[in-house]
Amino acid sequence: SQNKNWSLFCFFVFMVNLSEVELQTLQVKYFEAGHTFMAADSFHHQVE
């Protein structure tokens, strides 16, 4: 509902072709469900 849907993919097509940014390539990689520990989680722990 948030990170893996066609609406988001359409947005990425828009963004990678936007003249307001220098973006040339955009990769999106996904963790397997249930095993998603990442740097953002560590930051969220610091926020808490």
All heavy atoms as atom14 arrays in JSON, in Angstrom:
{
  "sequence": "SQNKNWSLFCFFVFMVNLSEVELQTLQVKYFEAGHTFMAADSFHHQVE",
  "atom14_mask": [
    [1, 1, 1, 1, 1, 1, 0, 0, 0, 0, 0, 0, 0, 0],
    [1, 1, 1, 1, 1, 1, 1, 1, 1, 0, 0, 0, 0, 0],
    [1, 1, 1, 1, 1, 1, 1, 1, 0, 0, 0, 0, 0, 0],
    [1, 1, 1, 1, 1, 1, 1, 1, 1, 0, 0, 0, 0, 0],
    [1, 1, 1, 1, 1, 1, 1, 1, 0, 0, 0, 0, 0, 0],
    [1, 1, 1, 1, 1, 1, 1, 1, 1, 1, 1, 1, 1, 1],
    [1, 1, 1, 1, 1, 1, 0, 0, 0, 0, 0, 0, 0, 0],
    [1, 1, 1, 1, 1, 1, 1, 1, 0, 0, 0, 0, 0, 0],
    [1, 1, 1, 1, 1, 1, 1, 1, 1, 1, 1, 0, 0, 0],
    [1, 1, 1, 1, 1, 1, 0, 0, 0, 0, 0, 0, 0, 0],
    [1, 1, 1, 1, 1, 1, 1, 1, 1, 1, 1, 0, 0, 0],
    [1, 1, 1, 1, 1, 1, 1, 1, 1, 1, 1, 0, 0, 0],
    [1, 1, 1, 1, 1, 1, 1, 0, 0, 0, 0, 0, 0, 0],
    [1, 1, 1, 1, 1, 1, 1, 1, 1, 1, 1, 0, 0, 0],
    [1, 1, 1, 1, 1, 1, 1, 1, 0, 0, 0, 0, 0, 0],
    [1, 1, 1, 1, 1, 1, 1, 0, 0, 0, 0, 0, 0, 0],
    [1, 1, 1, 1, 1, 1, 1, 1, 0, 0, 0, 0, 0, 0],
    [1, 1, 1, 1, 1, 1, 1, 1, 0, 0, 0, 0, 0, 0],
    [1, 1, 1, 1, 1, 1, 0, 0, 0, 0, 0, 0, 0, 0],
    [1, 1, 1, 1, 1, 1, 1, 1, 1, 0, 0, 0, 0, 0],
    [1, 1, 1, 1, 1, 1, 1, 0, 0, 0, 0, 0, 0, 0],
    [1, 1, 1, 1, 1, 1, 1, 1, 1, 0, 0, 0, 0, 0],
    [1, 1, 1, 1, 1, 1, 1, 1, 0, 0, 0, 0, 0, 0],
    [1, 1, 1, 1, 1, 1, 1, 1, 1, 0, 0, 0, 0, 0],
    [1, 1, 1, 1, 1, 1, 1, 0, 0, 0, 0, 0, 0, 0],
    [1, 1, 1, 1, 1, 1, 1, 1, 0, 0, 0, 0, 0, 0],
    [1, 1, 1, 1, 1, 1, 1, 1, 1, 0, 0, 0, 0, 0],
    [1, 1, 1, 1, 1, 1, 1, 0, 0, 0, 0, 0, 0, 0],
    [1, 1, 1, 1, 1, 1, 1, 1, 1, 0, 0, 0, 0, 0],
    [1, 1, 1, 1, 1, 1, 1, 1, 1, 1, 1, 1, 0, 0],
    [1, 1, 1, 1, 1, 1, 1, 1, 1, 1, 1, 0, 0, 0],
    [1, 1, 1, 1, 1, 1, 1, 1, 1, 0, 0, 0, 0, 0],
    [1, 1, 1, 1, 1, 0, 0, 0, 0, 0, 0, 0, 0, 0],
    [1, 1, 1, 1, 0, 0, 0, 0, 0, 0, 0, 0, 0, 0],
    [1, 1, 1, 1, 1, 1, 1, 1, 1, 1, 0, 0, 0, 0],
    [1, 1, 1, 1, 1, 1, 1, 0, 0, 0, 0, 0, 0, 0],
    [1, 1, 1, 1, 1, 1, 1, 1, 1, 1, 1, 0, 0, 0],
    [1, 1, 1, 1, 1, 1, 1, 1, 0, 0, 0, 0, 0, 0],
    [1, 1, 1, 1, 1, 0, 0, 0, 0, 0, 0, 0, 0, 0],
    [1, 1, 1, 1, 1, 0, 0, 0, 0, 0, 0, 0, 0, 0],
    [1, 1, 1, 1, 1, 1, 1, 1, 0, 0, 0, 0, 0, 0],
    [1, 1, 1, 1, 1, 1, 0, 0, 0, 0, 0, 0, 0, 0],
    [1, 1, 1, 1, 1, 1, 1, 1, 1, 1, 1, 0, 0, 0],
    [1, 1, 1, 1, 1, 1, 1, 1, 1, 1, 0, 0, 0, 0],
    [1, 1, 1, 1, 1, 1, 1, 1, 1, 1, 0, 0, 0, 0],
    [1, 1, 1, 1, 1, 1, 1, 1, 1, 0, 0, 0, 0, 0],
    [1, 1, 1, 1, 1, 1, 1, 0, 0, 0, 0, 0, 0, 0],
    [1, 1, 1, 1, 1, 1, 1, 1, 1, 0, 0, 0, 0, 0]
  ],
  "atom14_positions": [
    [[0.81, -1.22, 0.0], [0.0, 0.0, 0.0], [0.84, 1.27, 0.0], [0.35, 2.34, -0.39], [-0.93, 0.01, 1.22], [-0.17, 0.02, 2.41], [0.0, 0.0, 0.0], [0.0, 0.0, 0.0], [0.0, 0.0, 0.0], [0.0, 0.0, 0.0], [0.0, 0.0, 0.0], [0.0, 0.0, 0.0], [0.0, 0.0, 0.0], [0.0, 0.0, 0.0]],
    [[2.11, 1.17, 0.4], [2.95, 2.36, 0.51], [4.17, 2.33, -0.4], [4.5, 3.33, -1.04], [3.4, 2.54, 1.96], [2.25, 2.78, 2.92], [2.69, 2.76, 4.37], [3.82, 2.45, 4.69], [1.77, 3.07, 5.28], [0.0, 0.0, 0.0], [0.0, 0.0, 0.0], [0.0, 0.0, 0.0], [0.0, 0.0, 0.0], [0.0, 0.0, 0.0]],
    [[4.86, 1.2, -0.47], [6.17, 1.15, -1.12], [6.24, 0.31, -2.38], [7.26, 0.32, -3.07], [7.23, 0.61, -0.14], [7.42, 1.52, 1.05], [7.25, 2.73, 0.95], [7.77, 0.94, 2.18], [0.0, 0.0, 0.0], [0.0, 0.0, 0.0], [0.0, 0.0, 0.0], [0.0, 0.0, 0.0], [0.0, 0.0, 0.0], [0.0, 0.0, 0.0]],
    [[5.18, -0.42, -2.69], [5.29, -1.36, -3.8], [3.97, -1.4, -4.55], [3.15, -2.3, -4.35], [5.67, -2.75, -3.27], [6.36, -3.64, -4.28], [6.82, -4.94, -3.63], [7.7, -5.74, -4.57], [8.08, -7.05, -4.01], [0.0, 0.0, 0.0], [0.0, 0.0, 0.0], [0.0, 0.0, 0.0], [0.0, 0.0, 0.0], [0.0, 0.0, 0.0]],
    [[3.76, -0.43, -5.42], [2.53, -0.37, -6.19], [2.79, 0.38, -7.5], [3.79, 1.09, -7.65], [1.42, 0.31, -5.38], [1.83, 1.66, -4.84], [1.95, 2.62, -5.59], [2.08, 1.74, -3.52], [0.0, 0.0, 0.0], [0.0, 0.0, 0.0], [0.0, 0.0, 0.0], [0.0, 0.0, 0.0], [0.0, 0.0, 0.0], [0.0, 0.0, 0.0]],
    [[1.87, 0.24, -8.43], [2.05, 0.83, -9.76], [2.0, 2.35, -9.71], [2.66, 3.02, -10.53], [1.0, 0.28, -10.71], [1.17, -1.18, -11.04], [0.39, -2.21, -10.63], [2.22, -1.75, -11.82], [0.89, -3.41, -11.12], [2.0, -3.15, -11.85], [3.32, -1.23, -12.49], [2.85, -4.03, -12.53], [4.17, -2.1, -13.17], [3.94, -3.47, -13.19]],
    [[1.26, 2.91, -8.78], [1.22, 4.38, -8.66], [2.6, 4.93, -8.34], [3.03, 5.95, -8.9], [0.23, 4.79, -7.57], [-1.09, 4.44, -7.91], [0.0, 0.0, 0.0], [0.0, 0.0, 0.0], [0.0, 0.0, 0.0], [0.0, 0.0, 0.0], [0.0, 0.0, 0.0], [0.0, 0.0, 0.0], [0.0, 0.0, 0.0], [0.0, 0.0, 0.0]],
    [[3.3, 4.26, -7.42], [4.66, 4.69, -7.07], [5.59, 4.55, -8.26], [6.44, 5.42, -8.51], [5.16, 3.87, -5.88], [6.56, 4.23, -5.36], [6.59, 5.67, -4.85], [6.98, 3.27, -4.25], [0.0, 0.0, 0.0], [0.0, 0.0, 0.0], [0.0, 0.0, 0.0], [0.0, 0.0, 0.0], [0.0, 0.0, 0.0], [0.0, 0.0, 0.0]],
    [[5.44, 3.47, -9.02], [6.29, 3.26, -10.19], [6.05, 4.34, -11.24], [6.99, 4.82, -11.89], [6.05, 1.88, -10.79], [6.48, 0.73, -9.9], [6.08, -0.57, -10.17], [7.29, 0.95, -8.8], [6.48, -1.62, -9.37], [7.69, -0.09, -7.98], [7.29, -1.38, -8.26], [0.0, 0.0, 0.0], [0.0, 0.0, 0.0], [0.0, 0.0, 0.0]],
    [[4.79, 4.76, -11.41], [4.48, 5.86, -12.34], [5.17, 7.14, -11.86], [5.71, 7.91, -12.68], [2.98, 6.08, -12.42], [2.06, 4.76, -13.26], [0.0, 0.0, 0.0], [0.0, 0.0, 0.0], [0.0, 0.0, 0.0], [0.0, 0.0, 0.0], [0.0, 0.0, 0.0], [0.0, 0.0, 0.0], [0.0, 0.0, 0.0], [0.0, 0.0, 0.0]],
    [[5.14, 7.37, -10.56], [5.81, 8.55, -10.01], [7.31, 8.51, -10.28], [7.92, 9.53, -10.64], [5.56, 8.66, -8.51], [6.51, 9.58, -7.8], [6.38, 10.96, -7.93], [7.55, 9.07, -7.03], [7.27, 11.82, -7.29], [8.44, 9.92, -6.39], [8.3, 11.3, -6.52], [0.0, 0.0, 0.0], [0.0, 0.0, 0.0], [0.0, 0.0, 0.0]],
    [[7.93, 7.35, -10.13], [9.37, 7.24, -10.38], [9.7, 7.52, -11.84], [10.75, 8.1, -12.15], [9.87, 5.85, -9.97], [9.96, 5.65, -8.47], [9.7, 4.41, -7.9], [10.29, 6.69, -7.63], [9.78, 4.22, -6.53], [10.38, 6.52, -6.26], [10.12, 5.28, -5.71], [0.0, 0.0, 0.0], [0.0, 0.0, 0.0], [0.0, 0.0, 0.0]],
    [[8.84, 7.1, -12.77], [9.03, 7.44, -14.18], [8.98, 8.95, -14.36], [9.81, 9.54, -15.07], [7.96, 6.76, -15.06], [8.01, 7.31, -16.49], [8.14, 5.25, -15.08], [0.0, 0.0, 0.0], [0.0, 0.0, 0.0], [0.0, 0.0, 0.0], [0.0, 0.0, 0.0], [0.0, 0.0, 0.0], [0.0, 0.0, 0.0], [0.0, 0.0, 0.0]],
    [[8.0, 9.6, -13.71], [7.91, 11.05, -13.75], [9.17, 11.7, -13.17], [9.74, 12.64, -13.75], [6.67, 11.5, -12.96], [6.7, 12.94, -12.52], [6.39, 13.95, -13.4], [7.03, 13.27, -11.2], [6.42, 15.28, -12.99], [7.06, 14.59, -10.78], [6.75, 15.6, -11.67], [0.0, 0.0, 0.0], [0.0, 0.0, 0.0], [0.0, 0.0, 0.0]],
    [[9.64, 11.17, -12.03], [10.74, 11.81, -11.31], [12.06, 11.69, -12.05], [12.86, 12.63, -12.09], [10.86, 11.17, -9.92], [11.58, 12.05, -8.92], [10.58, 13.51, -8.5], [11.88, 14.65, -8.01], [0.0, 0.0, 0.0], [0.0, 0.0, 0.0], [0.0, 0.0, 0.0], [0.0, 0.0, 0.0], [0.0, 0.0, 0.0], [0.0, 0.0, 0.0]],
    [[12.31, 10.53, -12.66], [13.59, 10.31, -13.32], [13.7, 11.11, -14.63], [14.78, 11.24, -15.2], [13.82, 8.8, -13.57], [13.09, 8.33, -14.83], [15.3, 8.46, -13.65], [0.0, 0.0, 0.0], [0.0, 0.0, 0.0], [0.0, 0.0, 0.0], [0.0, 0.0, 0.0], [0.0, 0.0, 0.0], [0.0, 0.0, 0.0], [0.0, 0.0, 0.0]],
    [[12.58, 11.64, -15.08], [12.57, 12.47, -16.29], [12.32, 13.94, -15.98], [12.16, 14.75, -16.91], [11.51, 11.97, -17.27], [11.88, 10.65, -17.89], [12.78, 10.56, -18.72], [11.18, 9.58, -17.5], [0.0, 0.0, 0.0], [0.0, 0.0, 0.0], [0.0, 0.0, 0.0], [0.0, 0.0, 0.0], [0.0, 0.0, 0.0], [0.0, 0.0, 0.0]],
    [[12.31, 14.31, -14.73], [12.01, 15.68, -14.31], [13.23, 16.58, -14.53], [14.35, 16.23, -14.13], [11.59, 15.69, -12.84], [11.08, 17.01, -12.28], [9.79, 17.43, -12.96], [10.86, 16.89, -10.76], [0.0, 0.0, 0.0], [0.0, 0.0, 0.0], [0.0, 0.0, 0.0], [0.0, 0.0, 0.0], [0.0, 0.0, 0.0], [0.0, 0.0, 0.0]],
    [[13.01, 17.75, -15.11], [14.12, 18.66, -15.39], [14.63, 19.36, -14.13], [15.74, 19.9, -14.13], [13.68, 19.71, -16.41], [12.57, 20.47, -15.92], [0.0, 0.0, 0.0], [0.0, 0.0, 0.0], [0.0, 0.0, 0.0], [0.0, 0.0, 0.0], [0.0, 0.0, 0.0], [0.0, 0.0, 0.0], [0.0, 0.0, 0.0], [0.0, 0.0, 0.0]],
    [[13.85, 19.32, -13.07], [14.25, 20.01, -11.84], [15.3, 19.24, -11.04], [15.84, 19.76, -10.07], [13.02, 20.24, -10.95], [11.97, 21.13, -11.59], [10.71, 21.21, -10.74], [10.83, 21.18, -9.5], [9.62, 21.28, -11.32], [0.0, 0.0, 0.0], [0.0, 0.0, 0.0], [0.0, 0.0, 0.0], [0.0, 0.0, 0.0], [0.0, 0.0, 0.0]],
    [[15.58, 18.01, -11.41], [16.59, 17.21, -10.71], [17.6, 16.68, -11.71], [17.33, 16.59, -12.92], [15.94, 16.03, -9.94], [14.99, 16.54, -8.87], [15.21, 15.1, -10.89], [0.0, 0.0, 0.0], [0.0, 0.0, 0.0], [0.0, 0.0, 0.0], [0.0, 0.0, 0.0], [0.0, 0.0, 0.0], [0.0, 0.0, 0.0], [0.0, 0.0, 0.0]],
    [[18.78, 16.3, -11.2], [19.84, 15.76, -12.04], [19.78, 14.24, -12.15], [20.62, 13.62, -12.78], [21.21, 16.15, -11.47], [21.48, 17.65, -11.47], [21.63, 18.19, -12.88], [22.08, 17.44, -13.76], [21.28, 19.37, -13.09], [0.0, 0.0, 0.0], [0.0, 0.0, 0.0], [0.0, 0.0, 0.0], [0.0, 0.0, 0.0], [0.0, 0.0, 0.0]],
    [[18.78, 13.65, -11.57], [18.66, 12.2, -11.48], [18.73, 11.55, -12.86], [17.98, 11.9, -13.77], [17.34, 11.84, -10.8], [17.12, 10.39, -10.39], [18.17, 9.94, -9.39], [15.73, 10.22, -9.78], [0.0, 0.0, 0.0], [0.0, 0.0, 0.0], [0.0, 0.0, 0.0], [0.0, 0.0, 0.0], [0.0, 0.0, 0.0], [0.0, 0.0, 0.0]],
    [[19.64, 10.55, -12.99], [19.8, 9.82, -14.24], [19.29, 8.39, -14.13], [18.68, 7.87, -15.05], [21.28, 9.79, -14.65], [21.89, 11.17, -14.87], [21.25, 11.92, -16.03], [21.07, 11.36, -17.11], [20.89, 13.18, -15.8], [0.0, 0.0, 0.0], [0.0, 0.0, 0.0], [0.0, 0.0, 0.0], [0.0, 0.0, 0.0], [0.0, 0.0, 0.0]],
    [[19.56, 7.76, -13.01], [19.06, 6.4, -12.78], [18.51, 6.3, -11.37], [19.03, 6.92, -10.43], [20.17, 5.34, -12.95], [21.19, 5.53, -11.95], [20.78, 5.41, -14.34], [0.0, 0.0, 0.0], [0.0, 0.0, 0.0], [0.0, 0.0, 0.0], [0.0, 0.0, 0.0], [0.0, 0.0, 0.0], [0.0, 0.0, 0.0], [0.0, 0.0, 0.0]],
    [[17.46, 5.52, -11.24], [16.84, 5.28, -9.94], [16.6, 3.78, -9.8], [15.9, 3.19, -10.62], [15.53, 6.04, -9.8], [14.72, 5.82, -8.53], [15.49, 6.29, -7.3], [13.37, 6.52, -8.6], [0.0, 0.0, 0.0], [0.0, 0.0, 0.0], [0.0, 0.0, 0.0], [0.0, 0.0, 0.0], [0.0, 0.0, 0.0], [0.0, 0.0, 0.0]],
    [[17.19, 3.18, -8.78], [16.98, 1.77, -8.47], [16.14, 1.65, -7.21], [16.35, 2.39, -6.26], [18.31, 1.04, -8.24], [19.15, 0.79, -9.45], [20.39, -0.03, -9.1], [20.9, 0.04, -7.98], [20.86, -0.81, -10.04], [0.0, 0.0, 0.0], [0.0, 0.0, 0.0], [0.0, 0.0, 0.0], [0.0, 0.0, 0.0], [0.0, 0.0, 0.0]],
    [[15.21, 0.73, -7.25], [14.42, 0.44, -6.06], [14.58, -1.04, -5.74], [14.31, -1.9, -6.59], [12.92, 0.76, -6.26], [12.17, 0.6, -4.95], [12.75, 2.17, -6.81], [0.0, 0.0, 0.0], [0.0, 0.0, 0.0], [0.0, 0.0, 0.0], [0.0, 0.0, 0.0], [0.0, 0.0, 0.0], [0.0, 0.0, 0.0], [0.0, 0.0, 0.0]],
    [[15.06, -1.34, -4.54], [15.3, -2.73, -4.14], [14.44, -3.04, -2.92], [14.25, -2.17, -2.05], [16.78, -2.96, -3.83], [17.69, -2.73, -5.04], [19.16, -2.97, -4.71], [20.04, -2.71, -5.92], [21.48, -2.95, -5.63], [0.0, 0.0, 0.0], [0.0, 0.0, 0.0], [0.0, 0.0, 0.0], [0.0, 0.0, 0.0], [0.0, 0.0, 0.0]],
    [[13.97, -4.28, -2.87], [13.03, -4.66, -1.82], [13.56, -5.81, -0.97], [14.12, -6.78, -1.49], [11.69, -5.09, -2.43], [10.94, -3.96, -3.1], [11.04, -3.74, -4.47], [10.15, -3.1, -2.34], [10.35, -2.7, -5.07], [9.46, -2.05, -2.94], [9.57, -1.86, -4.31], [8.9, -0.83, -4.9], [0.0, 0.0, 0.0], [0.0, 0.0, 0.0]],
    [[13.37, -5.66, 0.34], [13.65, -6.75, 1.26], [12.53, -7.79, 1.16], [11.42, -7.5, 0.75], [13.73, -6.25, 2.7], [14.94, -5.43, 3.01], [14.86, -4.04, 3.07], [16.16, -6.03, 3.26], [15.97, -3.28, 3.37], [17.28, -5.28, 3.56], [17.19, -3.9, 3.61], [0.0, 0.0, 0.0], [0.0, 0.0, 0.0], [0.0, 0.0, 0.0]],
    [[12.85, -9.01, 1.58], [11.83, -10.03, 1.71], [10.99, -9.71, 2.96], [11.52, -9.31, 4.0], [12.48, -11.41, 1.84], [11.51, -12.57, 2.03], [10.68, -12.89, 0.81], [10.84, -12.21, -0.23], [9.87, -13.83, 0.88], [0.0, 0.0, 0.0], [0.0, 0.0, 0.0], [0.0, 0.0, 0.0], [0.0, 0.0, 0.0], [0.0, 0.0, 0.0]],
    [[9.69, -9.89, 2.83], [8.79, -9.58, 3.95], [9.2, -10.34, 5.2], [9.52, -11.53, 5.15], [7.35, -9.93, 3.57], [0.0, 0.0, 0.0], [0.0, 0.0, 0.0], [0.0, 0.0, 0.0], [0.0, 0.0, 0.0], [0.0, 0.0, 0.0], [0.0, 0.0, 0.0], [0.0, 0.0, 0.0], [0.0, 0.0, 0.0], [0.0, 0.0, 0.0]],
    [[9.2, -9.65, 6.33], [9.56, -10.28, 7.6], [11.03, -10.19, 7.94], [11.44, -10.52, 9.05], [0.0, 0.0, 0.0], [0.0, 0.0, 0.0], [0.0, 0.0, 0.0], [0.0, 0.0, 0.0], [0.0, 0.0, 0.0], [0.0, 0.0, 0.0], [0.0, 0.0, 0.0], [0.0, 0.0, 0.0], [0.0, 0.0, 0.0], [0.0, 0.0, 0.0]],
    [[11.84, -9.7, 6.98], [13.29, -9.61, 7.19], [13.77, -8.27, 6.63], [14.63, -8.21, 5.77], [14.0, -10.77, 6.51], [13.57, -12.12, 6.99], [14.21, -12.8, 8.0], [12.52, -12.91, 6.62], [13.59, -13.95, 8.23], [12.57, -14.03, 7.4], [0.0, 0.0, 0.0], [0.0, 0.0, 0.0], [0.0, 0.0, 0.0], [0.0, 0.0, 0.0]],
    [[13.19, -7.19, 7.15], [13.4, -5.87, 6.56], [14.23, -4.93, 7.41], [14.18, -3.71, 7.21], [12.03, -5.21, 6.27], [11.32, -5.06, 7.51], [11.2, -6.06, 5.32], [0.0, 0.0, 0.0], [0.0, 0.0, 0.0], [0.0, 0.0, 0.0], [0.0, 0.0, 0.0], [0.0, 0.0, 0.0], [0.0, 0.0, 0.0], [0.0, 0.0, 0.0]],
    [[15.0, -5.43, 8.35], [15.78, -4.54, 9.2], [16.76, -3.75, 8.35], [17.51, -4.31, 7.55], [16.53, -5.31, 10.28], [17.24, -4.4, 11.25], [16.54, -3.75, 12.26], [18.6, -4.17, 11.13], [17.19, -2.9, 13.15], [19.25, -3.33, 12.01], [18.55, -2.7, 13.02], [0.0, 0.0, 0.0], [0.0, 0.0, 0.0], [0.0, 0.0, 0.0]],
    [[16.78, -2.42, 8.52], [17.62, -1.56, 7.7], [18.03, -0.32, 8.48], [17.64, -0.14, 9.63], [16.88, -1.16, 6.42], [15.48, -0.59, 6.65], [14.65, -0.21, 5.09], [12.94, -0.59, 5.5], [0.0, 0.0, 0.0], [0.0, 0.0, 0.0], [0.0, 0.0, 0.0], [0.0, 0.0, 0.0], [0.0, 0.0, 0.0], [0.0, 0.0, 0.0]],
    [[18.81, 0.55, 7.82], [19.34, 1.74, 8.49], [18.23, 2.64, 9.01], [18.37, 3.28, 10.05], [20.25, 2.51, 7.53], [0.0, 0.0, 0.0], [0.0, 0.0, 0.0], [0.0, 0.0, 0.0], [0.0, 0.0, 0.0], [0.0, 0.0, 0.0], [0.0, 0.0, 0.0], [0.0, 0.0, 0.0], [0.0, 0.0, 0.0], [0.0, 0.0, 0.0]],
    [[17.11, 2.7, 8.29], [15.99, 3.53, 8.73], [15.47, 3.08, 10.09], [15.05, 3.9, 10.91], [14.86, 3.51, 7.69], [0.0, 0.0, 0.0], [0.0, 0.0, 0.0], [0.0, 0.0, 0.0], [0.0, 0.0, 0.0], [0.0, 0.0, 0.0], [0.0, 0.0, 0.0], [0.0, 0.0, 0.0], [0.0, 0.0, 0.0], [0.0, 0.0, 0.0]],
    [[15.5, 1.76, 10.35], [15.04, 1.25, 11.65], [15.94, 1.74, 12.78], [15.47, 2.05, 13.87], [14.99, -0.27, 11.63], [13.93, -0.79, 10.67], [12.8, -0.29, 10.71], [14.26, -1.69, 9.87], [0.0, 0.0, 0.0], [0.0, 0.0, 0.0], [0.0, 0.0, 0.0], [0.0, 0.0, 0.0], [0.0, 0.0, 0.0], [0.0, 0.0, 0.0]],
    [[17.24, 1.79, 12.52], [18.17, 2.29, 13.54], [17.91, 3.76, 13.84], [17.95, 4.19, 14.99], [19.61, 2.11, 13.05], [19.93, 0.74, 12.89], [0.0, 0.0, 0.0], [0.0, 0.0, 0.0], [0.0, 0.0, 0.0], [0.0, 0.0, 0.0], [0.0, 0.0, 0.0], [0.0, 0.0, 0.0], [0.0, 0.0, 0.0], [0.0, 0.0, 0.0]],
    [[17.62, 4.52, 12.79], [17.3, 5.93, 12.99], [16.0, 6.09, 13.77], [15.9, 6.94, 14.67], [17.2, 6.65, 11.64], [16.76, 8.08, 11.76], [17.55, 9.02, 12.41], [15.55, 8.49, 11.23], [17.14, 10.34, 12.53], [15.13, 9.8, 11.34], [15.93, 10.73, 11.99], [0.0, 0.0, 0.0], [0.0, 0.0, 0.0], [0.0, 0.0, 0.0]],
    [[15.01, 5.27, 13.46], [13.75, 5.33, 14.2], [13.96, 5.01, 15.68], [13.3, 5.59, 16.55], [12.74, 4.35, 13.59], [12.26, 4.76, 12.24], [11.6, 3.92, 11.38], [12.36, 5.96, 11.59], [11.31, 4.56, 10.27], [11.76, 5.8, 10.38], [0.0, 0.0, 0.0], [0.0, 0.0, 0.0], [0.0, 0.0, 0.0], [0.0, 0.0, 0.0]],
    [[14.89, 4.1, 15.95], [15.22, 3.8, 17.35], [15.81, 5.03, 18.03], [15.5, 5.32, 19.2], [16.21, 2.63, 17.4], [16.67, 2.29, 18.78], [15.82, 1.81, 19.76], [17.9, 2.36, 19.35], [16.51, 1.61, 20.88], [17.77, 1.94, 20.66], [0.0, 0.0, 0.0], [0.0, 0.0, 0.0], [0.0, 0.0, 0.0], [0.0, 0.0, 0.0]],
    [[16.65, 5.77, 17.31], [17.24, 6.99, 17.87], [16.16, 8.06, 18.1], [16.21, 8.8, 19.09], [18.32, 7.53, 16.92], [19.52, 6.64, 16.76], [20.22, 6.36, 18.09], [20.4, 7.26, 18.91], [20.61, 5.11, 18.3], [0.0, 0.0, 0.0], [0.0, 0.0, 0.0], [0.0, 0.0, 0.0], [0.0, 0.0, 0.0], [0.0, 0.0, 0.0]],
    [[15.18, 8.13, 17.19], [14.08, 9.06, 17.38], [13.3, 8.7, 18.64], [12.93, 9.58, 19.44], [13.14, 9.06, 16.15], [11.87, 9.87, 16.44], [13.86, 9.62, 14.93], [0.0, 0.0, 0.0], [0.0, 0.0, 0.0], [0.0, 0.0, 0.0], [0.0, 0.0, 0.0], [0.0, 0.0, 0.0], [0.0, 0.0, 0.0], [0.0, 0.0, 0.0]],
    [[13.04, 7.43, 18.82], [12.31, 6.97, 20.01], [13.09, 7.33, 21.28], [12.49, 7.78, 22.27], [12.09, 5.47, 19.93], [11.29, 4.88, 21.08], [9.89, 5.42, 21.19], [9.32, 5.8, 20.15], [9.35, 5.46, 22.31], [0.0, 0.0, 0.0], [0.0, 0.0, 0.0], [0.0, 0.0, 0.0], [0.0, 0.0, 0.0], [0.0, 0.0, 0.0]]
  ]
}
